Amino acid sequence: MPLKQLPSDFPIHTFSSAKDFEAFLDREHTTAPGCYIKLAKKASGVPSITAPEAVEVCLCFGWIDGGGGGSIDETWWLTRYTPRRAKSMWSKKNTETVARLVQEGRMRPAGMAAVEAAKADGRWDRAYDGPASITVPDDLAAALKATPTASVLFTSLNKSERYAVLHRVQTASSKARATRIEALVQMLAAGKVPGRAQLEAVPGKDAGVRKTSRESKKTAAQVKSKSTNKTAARPTSSVRDVPSKDLTARPAGAEPRRPGLRPRR
């Protein structure tokens, strides 16, 4: 779905080749806060830098790609590129790309500074796998085995949910790793998954059936809607014109009540 409105936080550029983007960062990698690049779609036939080429150029100068973009139209994609944050994590794919760029002599001082900082504080060694190659580490497997309810939910996760859990474990520091695993296992045991709406037990005969909170809200809204519809559809009873009683009227010939007497109840 095309973007409804182009972002305005950074300028938008178009580069016909990787060399053009490299020249841009050579001039502005220390001063520009970031930029968006329009990447031509393959079917468009428009000369353009590709996404993998843009990432390589970024790594050379200590920058990185990010979100904030999307499809503009039938011709262009939009992607954001910014200087790498001080504590940002590295993917194993990018560490391997850097090794090749070093051999090719393409790395610049700013890019090497980002690499050395990551090696110094341990982020380089904690580089994370992609969804296709990530595996369950032994310490997480042991924690799941010790908590069967968490293990059952973990095995039922789809690929993206499973990766969300494993990524959190893999990117934790050595000091925080055990604590993070414990927190994730407790979350799973409680029926919660990173990136998914909280699961709620559904009362009834089958206690094993569960619904997400989003589904529960939807169901409640449907019940309320049906109730409203029934009320609206119910025919109203006809109202008869019944003359009201005049409480002050008295039978003919009756003596008037003496003043000061209490009214009868």
C-alpha atoms as a PDB file:
ATOM      1  CA  MET A   1       0.000   0.000   0.000  1.00  0.00           C
ATOM      2  CA  PRO A   2       1.557   3.334  -1.025  1.00  0.00           C
ATOM      3  CA  LEU A   3       2.506   5.834   1.654  1.00  0.00           C
ATOM      4  CA  LYS A   4      -0.268   8.325   2.291  1.00  0.00           C
ATOM      5  CA  GLN A   5       2.234  11.085   2.978  1.00  0.00           C
ATOM      6  CA  LEU A   6       5.986  11.344   2.457  1.00  0.00           C
ATOM      7  CA  PRO A   7       8.021  11.818   5.659  1.00  0.00           C
ATOM      8  CA  SER A   8       9.493  15.233   6.321  1.00  0.00           C
ATOM      9  CA  ASP A   9      11.931  14.622   9.182  1.00  0.00           C
ATOM     10  CA  PHE A  10      14.868  14.055   6.788  1.00  0.00           C
ATOM     11  CA  PRO A  11      15.514  15.140   3.192  1.00  0.00           C
ATOM     12  CA  ILE A  12      14.688  12.681   0.401  1.00  0.00           C
ATOM     13  CA  HIS A  13      17.369  11.854  -2.174  1.00  0.00           C
ATOM     14  CA  THR A  14      17.620   9.794  -5.345  1.00  0.00           C
ATOM     15  CA  PHE A  15      20.935   8.197  -6.345  1.00  0.00           C
ATOM     16  CA  SER A  16      21.410   6.464  -9.662  1.00  0.00           C
ATOM     17  CA  SER A  17      24.393   4.443  -8.392  1.00  0.00           C
ATOM     18  CA  ALA A  18      26.245   3.396  -5.246  1.00  0.00           C
ATOM     19  CA  LYS A  19      29.055   5.804  -6.152  1.00  0.00           C
ATOM     20  CA  ASP A  20      26.650   8.737  -5.989  1.00  0.00           C
ATOM     21  CA  PHE A  21      25.524   7.783  -2.479  1.00  0.00           C
ATOM     22  CA  GLU A  22      29.141   7.199  -1.454  1.00  0.00           C
ATOM     23  CA  ALA A  23      30.038  10.714  -2.644  1.00  0.00           C
ATOM     24  CA  PHE A  24      27.116  12.125  -0.651  1.00  0.00           C
ATOM     25  CA  LEU A  25      28.193  10.428   2.595  1.00  0.00           C
ATOM     26  CA  ASP A  26      31.817  11.335   1.953  1.00  0.00           C
ATOM     27  CA  ARG A  27      30.733  14.970   2.184  1.00  0.00           C
ATOM     28  CA  GLU A  28      28.017  14.783   4.836  1.00  0.00           C
ATOM     29  CA  HIS A  29      28.339  11.648   6.988  1.00  0.00           C
ATOM     30  CA  THR A  30      29.464  13.718  10.005  1.00  0.00           C
ATOM     31  CA  THR A  31      26.940  16.547   9.623  1.00  0.00           C
ATOM     32  CA  ALA A  32      23.741  15.077   8.171  1.00  0.00           C
ATOM     33  CA  PRO A  33      21.339  13.671  10.830  1.00  0.00           C
ATOM     34  CA  GLY A  34      19.946  11.223   8.280  1.00  0.00           C
ATOM     35  CA  CYS A  35      18.203  10.970   4.938  1.00  0.00           C
ATOM     36  CA  TYR A  36      15.662   9.010   2.930  1.00  0.00           C
ATOM     37  CA  ILE A  37      16.623   7.370  -0.349  1.00  0.00           C
ATOM     38  CA  LYS A  38      14.226   6.517  -3.133  1.00  0.00           C
ATOM     39  CA  LEU A  39      15.068   3.023  -4.389  1.00  0.00           C
ATOM     40  CA  ALA A  40      13.682   2.108  -7.794  1.00  0.00           C
ATOM     41  CA  LYS A  41      11.670  -1.102  -7.953  1.00  0.00           C
ATOM     42  CA  LYS A  42      13.133  -3.825 -10.171  1.00  0.00           C
ATOM     43  CA  ALA A  43      10.265  -3.800 -12.646  1.00  0.00           C
ATOM     44  CA  SER A  44      10.530  -0.035 -13.168  1.00  0.00           C
ATOM     45  CA  GLY A  45      13.765  -0.178 -15.160  1.00  0.00           C
ATOM     46  CA  VAL A  46      14.892   3.124 -13.593  1.00  0.00           C
ATOM     47  CA  PRO A  47      18.658   3.372 -12.887  1.00  0.00           C
ATOM     48  CA  SER A  48      19.016   3.390  -9.108  1.00  0.00           C
ATOM     49  CA  ILE A  49      21.141   2.290  -6.197  1.00  0.00           C
ATOM     50  CA  THR A  50      19.837  -0.980  -4.731  1.00  0.00           C
ATOM     51  CA  ALA A  51      19.042  -1.669  -1.084  1.00  0.00           C
ATOM     52  CA  PRO A  52      22.040  -4.027  -0.555  1.00  0.00           C
ATOM     53  CA  GLU A  53      24.376  -1.482  -2.190  1.00  0.00           C
ATOM     54  CA  ALA A  54      23.032   1.277   0.059  1.00  0.00           C
ATOM     55  CA  VAL A  55      23.666  -0.829   3.180  1.00  0.00           C
ATOM     56  CA  GLU A  56      27.262  -1.481   2.127  1.00  0.00           C
ATOM     57  CA  VAL A  57      27.906   2.231   1.612  1.00  0.00           C
ATOM     58  CA  CYS A  58      26.341   2.973   4.998  1.00  0.00           C
ATOM     59  CA  LEU A  59      28.552   0.452   6.784  1.00  0.00           C
ATOM     60  CA  CYS A  60      31.629   2.098   5.293  1.00  0.00           C
ATOM     61  CA  PHE A  61      30.738   5.405   6.960  1.00  0.00           C
ATOM     62  CA  GLY A  62      29.217   4.216  10.245  1.00  0.00           C
ATOM     63  CA  TRP A  63      25.613   4.589   9.077  1.00  0.00           C
ATOM     64  CA  ILE A  64      22.817   2.028   8.941  1.00  0.00           C
ATOM     65  CA  ASP A  65      19.458   1.493   7.279  1.00  0.00           C
ATOM     66  CA  GLY A  66      16.222   1.728   9.228  1.00  0.00           C
ATOM     67  CA  GLY A  67      12.465   1.841   9.009  1.00  0.00           C
ATOM     68  CA  GLY A  68      10.228   4.787   8.384  1.00  0.00           C
ATOM     69  CA  GLY A  69       9.736   4.183   4.684  1.00  0.00           C
ATOM     70  CA  GLY A  70       7.691   2.004   2.386  1.00  0.00           C
ATOM     71  CA  SER A  71       6.285   1.919  -1.099  1.00  0.00           C
ATOM     72  CA  ILE A  72       5.723   5.335  -2.680  1.00  0.00           C
ATOM     73  CA  ASP A  73       4.143   4.243  -5.944  1.00  0.00           C
ATOM     74  CA  GLU A  74       4.664   1.717  -8.749  1.00  0.00           C
ATOM     75  CA  THR A  75       8.225   2.954  -9.314  1.00  0.00           C
ATOM     76  CA  TRP A  76       9.816   3.745  -5.947  1.00  0.00           C
ATOM     77  CA  TRP A  77      10.502   2.414  -2.482  1.00  0.00           C
ATOM     78  CA  LEU A  78      11.564   4.763   0.315  1.00  0.00           C
ATOM     79  CA  THR A  79      14.081   3.778   3.009  1.00  0.00           C
ATOM     80  CA  ARG A  80      15.614   5.756   5.861  1.00  0.00           C
ATOM     81  CA  TYR A  81      19.352   5.850   6.572  1.00  0.00           C
ATOM     82  CA  THR A  82      20.953   7.373   9.667  1.00  0.00           C
ATOM     83  CA  PRO A  83      24.238   7.354  11.601  1.00  0.00           C
ATOM     84  CA  ARG A  84      24.468   4.241  13.758  1.00  0.00           C
ATOM     85  CA  ARG A  85      23.510   4.829  17.388  1.00  0.00           C
ATOM     86  CA  ALA A  86      26.187   4.280  20.015  1.00  0.00           C
ATOM     87  CA  LYS A  87      24.679   1.089  21.472  1.00  0.00           C
ATOM     88  CA  SER A  88      22.844  -0.313  18.452  1.00  0.00           C
ATOM     89  CA  MET A  89      23.121  -4.056  17.886  1.00  0.00           C
ATOM     90  CA  TRP A  90      24.800  -5.638  14.877  1.00  0.00           C
ATOM     91  CA  SER A  91      23.483  -8.440  12.711  1.00  0.00           C
ATOM     92  CA  LYS A  92      25.821 -11.272  11.787  1.00  0.00           C
ATOM     93  CA  LYS A  93      25.107 -10.515   8.144  1.00  0.00           C
ATOM     94  CA  ASN A  94      26.483  -6.992   8.544  1.00  0.00           C
ATOM     95  CA  THR A  95      29.554  -8.173  10.460  1.00  0.00           C
ATOM     96  CA  GLU A  96      30.306 -10.529   7.568  1.00  0.00           C
ATOM     97  CA  THR A  97      29.755  -7.701   5.079  1.00  0.00           C
ATOM     98  CA  VAL A  98      32.172  -5.487   7.013  1.00  0.00           C
ATOM     99  CA  ALA A  99      34.837  -8.211   6.861  1.00  0.00           C
ATOM    100  CA  ARG A 100      34.535  -8.217   3.079  1.00  0.00           C
ATOM    101  CA  LEU A 101      34.539  -4.411   2.855  1.00  0.00           C
ATOM    102  CA  VAL A 102      37.746  -4.321   4.912  1.00  0.00           C
ATOM    103  CA  GLN A 103      39.408  -6.734   2.490  1.00  0.00           C
ATOM    104  CA  GLU A 104      38.239  -4.597  -0.419  1.00  0.00           C
ATOM    105  CA  GLY A 105      39.683  -1.471   1.199  1.00  0.00           C
ATOM    106  CA  ARG A 106      36.336   0.347   1.206  1.00  0.00           C
ATOM    107  CA  MET A 107      35.904   1.019   4.928  1.00  0.00           C
ATOM    108  CA  ARG A 108      36.328   4.634   6.033  1.00  0.00           C
ATOM    109  CA  PRO A 109      37.551   5.877   9.437  1.00  0.00           C
ATOM    110  CA  ALA A 110      33.995   6.560  10.669  1.00  0.00           C
ATOM    111  CA  GLY A 111      32.914   3.045   9.723  1.00  0.00           C
ATOM    112  CA  MET A 112      35.912   1.439  11.405  1.00  0.00           C
ATOM    113  CA  ALA A 113      35.283   3.508  14.542  1.00  0.00           C
ATOM    114  CA  ALA A 114      31.767   2.051  14.779  1.00  0.00           C
ATOM    115  CA  VAL A 115      33.192  -1.463  14.360  1.00  0.00           C
ATOM    116  CA  GLU A 116      35.870  -0.999  17.016  1.00  0.00           C
ATOM    117  CA  ALA A 117      33.324   0.425  19.471  1.00  0.00           C
ATOM    118  CA  ALA A 118      31.125  -2.647  18.988  1.00  0.00           C
ATOM    119  CA  LYS A 119      34.080  -4.980  19.520  1.00  0.00           C
ATOM    120  CA  ALA A 120      35.120  -3.103  22.654  1.00  0.00           C
ATOM    121  CA  ASP A 121      31.768  -3.336  24.462  1.00  0.00           C
ATOM    122  CA  GLY A 122      30.824  -6.861  23.334  1.00  0.00           C
ATOM    123  CA  ARG A 123      28.124  -6.006  20.804  1.00  0.00           C
ATOM    124  CA  TRP A 124      30.214  -7.451  17.980  1.00  0.00           C
ATOM    125  CA  ASP A 125      30.321 -10.865  19.663  1.00  0.00           C
ATOM    126  CA  ARG A 126      26.557 -10.689  20.323  1.00  0.00           C
ATOM    127  CA  ALA A 127      25.689 -10.065  16.675  1.00  0.00           C
ATOM    128  CA  TYR A 128      22.355 -11.691  16.001  1.00  0.00           C
ATOM    129  CA  ASP A 129      21.302 -14.256  13.403  1.00  0.00           C
ATOM    130  CA  GLY A 130      18.587 -13.702  10.847  1.00  0.00           C
ATOM    131  CA  PRO A 131      15.251 -15.549  11.011  1.00  0.00           C
ATOM    132  CA  ALA A 132      16.467 -18.289   8.656  1.00  0.00           C
ATOM    133  CA  SER A 133      19.540 -19.241  10.688  1.00  0.00           C
ATOM    134  CA  ILE A 134      18.696 -18.519  14.324  1.00  0.00           C
ATOM    135  CA  THR A 135      18.413 -21.529  16.663  1.00  0.00           C
ATOM    136  CA  VAL A 136      17.232 -22.181  20.219  1.00  0.00           C
ATOM    137  CA  PRO A 137      20.227 -21.856  22.589  1.00  0.00           C
ATOM    138  CA  ASP A 138      20.840 -24.493  25.243  1.00  0.00           C
ATOM    139  CA  ASP A 139      20.106 -22.229  28.221  1.00  0.00           C
ATOM    140  CA  LEU A 140      16.720 -21.192  26.831  1.00  0.00           C
ATOM    141  CA  ALA A 141      15.892 -24.801  25.934  1.00  0.00           C
ATOM    142  CA  ALA A 142      16.636 -25.881  29.523  1.00  0.00           C
ATOM    143  CA  ALA A 143      14.475 -23.094  30.965  1.00  0.00           C
ATOM    144  CA  LEU A 144      11.580 -24.026  28.683  1.00  0.00           C
ATOM    145  CA  LYS A 145      11.897 -27.706  29.600  1.00  0.00           C
ATOM    146  CA  ALA A 146      11.628 -26.776  33.280  1.00  0.00           C
ATOM    147  CA  THR A 147       8.405 -24.842  32.624  1.00  0.00           C
ATOM    148  CA  PRO A 148       6.076 -27.040  30.527  1.00  0.00           C
ATOM    149  CA  THR A 149       3.366 -24.396  30.082  1.00  0.00           C
ATOM    150  CA  ALA A 150       5.912 -22.020  28.570  1.00  0.00           C
ATOM    151  CA  SER A 151       7.337 -24.783  26.383  1.00  0.00           C
ATOM    152  CA  VAL A 152       3.917 -25.672  24.976  1.00  0.00           C
ATOM    153  CA  LEU A 153       3.224 -22.079  23.959  1.00  0.00           C
ATOM    154  CA  PHE A 154       6.718 -21.603  22.535  1.00  0.00           C
ATOM    155  CA  THR A 155       6.369 -24.612  20.240  1.00  0.00           C
ATOM    156  CA  SER A 156       3.087 -23.188  18.912  1.00  0.00           C
ATOM    157  CA  LEU A 157       4.568 -19.821  17.886  1.00  0.00           C
ATOM    158  CA  ASN A 158       4.783 -18.815  14.251  1.00  0.00           C
ATOM    159  CA  LYS A 159       8.141 -17.899  12.696  1.00  0.00           C
ATOM    160  CA  SER A 160       8.011 -14.183  13.452  1.00  0.00           C
ATOM    161  CA  GLU A 161       6.902 -14.711  17.071  1.00  0.00           C
ATOM    162  CA  ARG A 162       9.553 -17.374  17.602  1.00  0.00           C
ATOM    163  CA  TYR A 163      12.203 -15.059  16.186  1.00  0.00           C
ATOM    164  CA  ALA A 164      11.066 -12.245  18.489  1.00  0.00           C
ATOM    165  CA  VAL A 165      11.814 -14.456  21.504  1.00  0.00           C
ATOM    166  CA  LEU A 166      15.135 -15.800  20.230  1.00  0.00           C
ATOM    167  CA  HIS A 167      16.324 -12.354  19.132  1.00  0.00           C
ATOM    168  CA  ARG A 168      15.775 -11.004  22.649  1.00  0.00           C
ATOM    169  CA  VAL A 169      17.866 -13.803  24.104  1.00  0.00           C
ATOM    170  CA  GLN A 170      20.655 -13.517  21.560  1.00  0.00           C
ATOM    171  CA  THR A 171      21.075  -9.755  21.923  1.00  0.00           C
ATOM    172  CA  ALA A 172      21.186  -9.769  25.743  1.00  0.00           C
ATOM    173  CA  SER A 173      24.492  -9.026  27.421  1.00  0.00           C
ATOM    174  CA  SER A 174      26.216 -11.825  29.320  1.00  0.00           C
ATOM    175  CA  LYS A 175      25.155 -10.251  32.631  1.00  0.00           C
ATOM    176  CA  ALA A 176      21.537  -9.789  31.622  1.00  0.00           C
ATOM    177  CA  ARG A 177      21.068 -13.008  29.644  1.00  0.00           C
ATOM    178  CA  ALA A 178      19.871 -15.245  32.496  1.00  0.00           C
ATOM    179  CA  THR A 179      17.475 -12.573  33.750  1.00  0.00           C
ATOM    180  CA  ARG A 180      16.073 -12.019  30.273  1.00  0.00           C
ATOM    181  CA  ILE A 181      15.532 -15.749  29.704  1.00  0.00           C
ATOM    182  CA  GLU A 182      13.715 -16.036  33.038  1.00  0.00           C
ATOM    183  CA  ALA A 183      11.485 -13.069  32.158  1.00  0.00           C
ATOM    184  CA  LEU A 184      10.672 -14.478  28.715  1.00  0.00           C
ATOM    185  CA  VAL A 185       9.823 -17.915  30.114  1.00  0.00           C
ATOM    186  CA  GLN A 186       7.543 -16.360  32.743  1.00  0.00           C
ATOM    187  CA  MET A 187       5.882 -14.319  30.009  1.00  0.00           C
ATOM    188  CA  LEU A 188       5.247 -17.426  27.926  1.00  0.00           C
ATOM    189  CA  ALA A 189       3.966 -19.331  30.950  1.00  0.00           C
ATOM    190  CA  ALA A 190       1.457 -16.514  31.501  1.00  0.00           C
ATOM    191  CA  GLY A 191       0.230 -16.822  27.923  1.00  0.00           C
ATOM    192  CA  LYS A 192       2.019 -13.721  26.655  1.00  0.00           C
ATOM    193  CA  VAL A 193       4.215 -13.465  23.570  1.00  0.00           C
ATOM    194  CA  PRO A 194       6.426 -10.536  22.524  1.00  0.00           C
ATOM    195  CA  GLY A 195       4.627  -8.713  19.728  1.00  0.00           C
ATOM    196  CA  ARG A 196       1.318 -10.497  20.227  1.00  0.00           C
ATOM    197  CA  ALA A 197      -1.786  -9.400  22.133  1.00  0.00           C
ATOM    198  CA  GLN A 198      -2.087 -10.916  25.604  1.00  0.00           C
ATOM    199  CA  LEU A 199      -3.866 -14.267  25.765  1.00  0.00           C
ATOM    200  CA  GLU A 200      -6.825 -14.568  28.101  1.00  0.00           C
ATOM    201  CA  ALA A 201      -8.457 -17.746  29.355  1.00  0.00           C
ATOM    202  CA  VAL A 202     -12.001 -18.117  28.080  1.00  0.00           C
ATOM    203  CA  PRO A 203     -14.377 -19.355  30.818  1.00  0.00           C
ATOM    204  CA  GLY A 204     -16.492 -22.322  29.860  1.00  0.00           C
ATOM    205  CA  LYS A 205     -16.372 -26.058  29.517  1.00  0.00           C
ATOM    206  CA  ASP A 206     -13.082 -26.134  27.613  1.00  0.00           C
ATOM    207  CA  ALA A 207     -10.542 -24.439  29.856  1.00  0.00           C
ATOM    208  CA  GLY A 208      -7.859 -25.030  27.246  1.00  0.00           C
ATOM    209  CA  VAL A 209      -9.445 -22.643  24.754  1.00  0.00           C
ATOM    210  CA  ARG A 210      -7.848 -19.196  24.831  1.00  0.00           C
ATOM    211  CA  LYS A 211      -8.482 -15.957  23.044  1.00  0.00           C
ATOM    212  CA  THR A 212      -6.366 -12.880  22.538  1.00  0.00           C
ATOM    213  CA  SER A 213      -7.475  -9.720  24.302  1.00  0.00           C
ATOM    214  CA  ARG A 214      -8.125  -8.193  20.890  1.00  0.00           C
ATOM    215  CA  GLU A 215     -10.491 -11.066  20.054  1.00  0.00           C
ATOM    216  CA  SER A 216     -12.175 -10.744  23.443  1.00  0.00           C
ATOM    217  CA  LYS A 217     -12.803  -7.043  22.897  1.00  0.00           C
ATOM    218  CA  LYS A 218     -14.183  -7.796  19.454  1.00  0.00           C
ATOM    219  CA  THR A 219     -16.510 -10.449  20.881  1.00  0.00           C
ATOM    220  CA  ALA A 220     -17.710  -8.079  23.600  1.00  0.00           C
ATOM    221  CA  ALA A 221     -18.401  -5.409  21.000  1.00  0.00           C
ATOM    222  CA  GLN A 222     -20.378  -7.908  18.919  1.00  0.00           C
ATOM    223  CA  VAL A 223     -22.477  -8.947  21.932  1.00  0.00           C
ATOM    224  CA  LYS A 224     -23.174  -5.315  22.773  1.00  0.00           C
ATOM    225  CA  SER A 225     -24.117  -4.620  19.163  1.00  0.00           C
ATOM    226  CA  LYS A 226     -26.536  -7.583  19.074  1.00  0.00           C
ATOM    227  CA  SER A 227     -28.112  -6.464  22.336  1.00  0.00           C
ATOM    228  CA  THR A 228     -28.584  -2.956  20.986  1.00  0.00           C
ATOM    229  CA  ASN A 229     -30.098  -4.309  17.786  1.00  0.00           C
ATOM    230  CA  LYS A 230     -32.567  -6.478  19.701  1.00  0.00           C
ATOM    231  CA  THR A 231     -33.649  -3.521  21.790  1.00  0.00           C
ATOM    232  CA  ALA A 232     -34.078  -1.373  18.710  1.00  0.00           C
ATOM    233  CA  ALA A 233     -36.012  -4.105  16.898  1.00  0.00           C
ATOM    234  CA  ARG A 234     -38.404  -4.834  19.786  1.00  0.00           C
ATOM    235  CA  PRO A 235     -41.844  -3.305  18.970  1.00  0.00           C
ATOM    236  CA  THR A 236     -43.014  -0.700  21.406  1.00  0.00           C
ATOM    237  CA  SER A 237     -46.296  -1.385  23.187  1.00  0.00           C
ATOM    238  CA  SER A 238     -49.216   0.831  22.199  1.00  0.00           C
ATOM    239  CA  VAL A 239     -49.942   3.523  24.754  1.00  0.00           C
ATOM    240  CA  ARG A 240     -53.611   4.046  25.609  1.00  0.00           C
ATOM    241  CA  ASP A 241     -54.976   7.395  26.628  1.00  0.00           C
ATOM    242  CA  VAL A 242     -56.011   6.660  30.202  1.00  0.00           C
ATOM    243  CA  PRO A 243     -57.563   9.555  32.043  1.00  0.00           C
ATOM    244  CA  SER A 244     -55.607  10.337  35.148  1.00  0.00           C
ATOM    245  CA  LYS A 245     -57.271  10.398  38.498  1.00  0.00           C
ATOM    246  CA  ASP A 246     -57.925  13.724  40.101  1.00  0.00           C
ATOM    247  CA  LEU A 247     -56.755  13.124  43.633  1.00  0.00           C
ATOM    248  CA  THR A 248     -58.371  16.317  44.822  1.00  0.00           C
ATOM    249  CA  ALA A 249     -61.850  15.364  43.598  1.00  0.00           C
ATOM    250  CA  ARG A 250     -64.288  14.124  46.229  1.00  0.00           C
ATOM    251  CA  PRO A 251     -67.573  12.217  45.976  1.00  0.00           C
ATOM    252  CA  ALA A 252     -70.696  14.266  45.709  1.00  0.00           C
ATOM    253  CA  GLY A 253     -72.139  15.165  49.095  1.00  0.00           C
ATOM    254  CA  ALA A 254     -68.975  14.390  51.019  1.00  0.00           C
ATOM    255  CA  GLU A 255     -67.898  16.844  53.674  1.00  0.00           C
ATOM    256  CA  PRO A 256     -64.757  18.767  52.992  1.00  0.00           C
ATOM    257  CA  ARG A 257     -61.660  17.708  54.932  1.00  0.00           C
ATOM    258  CA  ARG A 258     -60.838  19.910  57.855  1.00  0.00           C
ATOM    259  CA  PRO A 259     -57.726  21.981  57.449  1.00  0.00           C
ATOM    260  CA  GLY A 260     -54.670  20.729  59.266  1.00  0.00           C
ATOM    261  CA  LEU A 261     -55.485  17.021  59.020  1.00  0.00           C
ATOM    262  CA  ARG A 262     -52.856  14.711  57.729  1.00  0.00           C
ATOM    263  CA  PRO A 263     -53.469  13.211  54.334  1.00  0.00           C
ATOM    264  CA  ARG A 264     -54.562   9.580  54.399  1.00  0.00           C
ATOM    265  CA  ARG A 265     -52.081   7.009  53.227  1.00  0.00           C
END
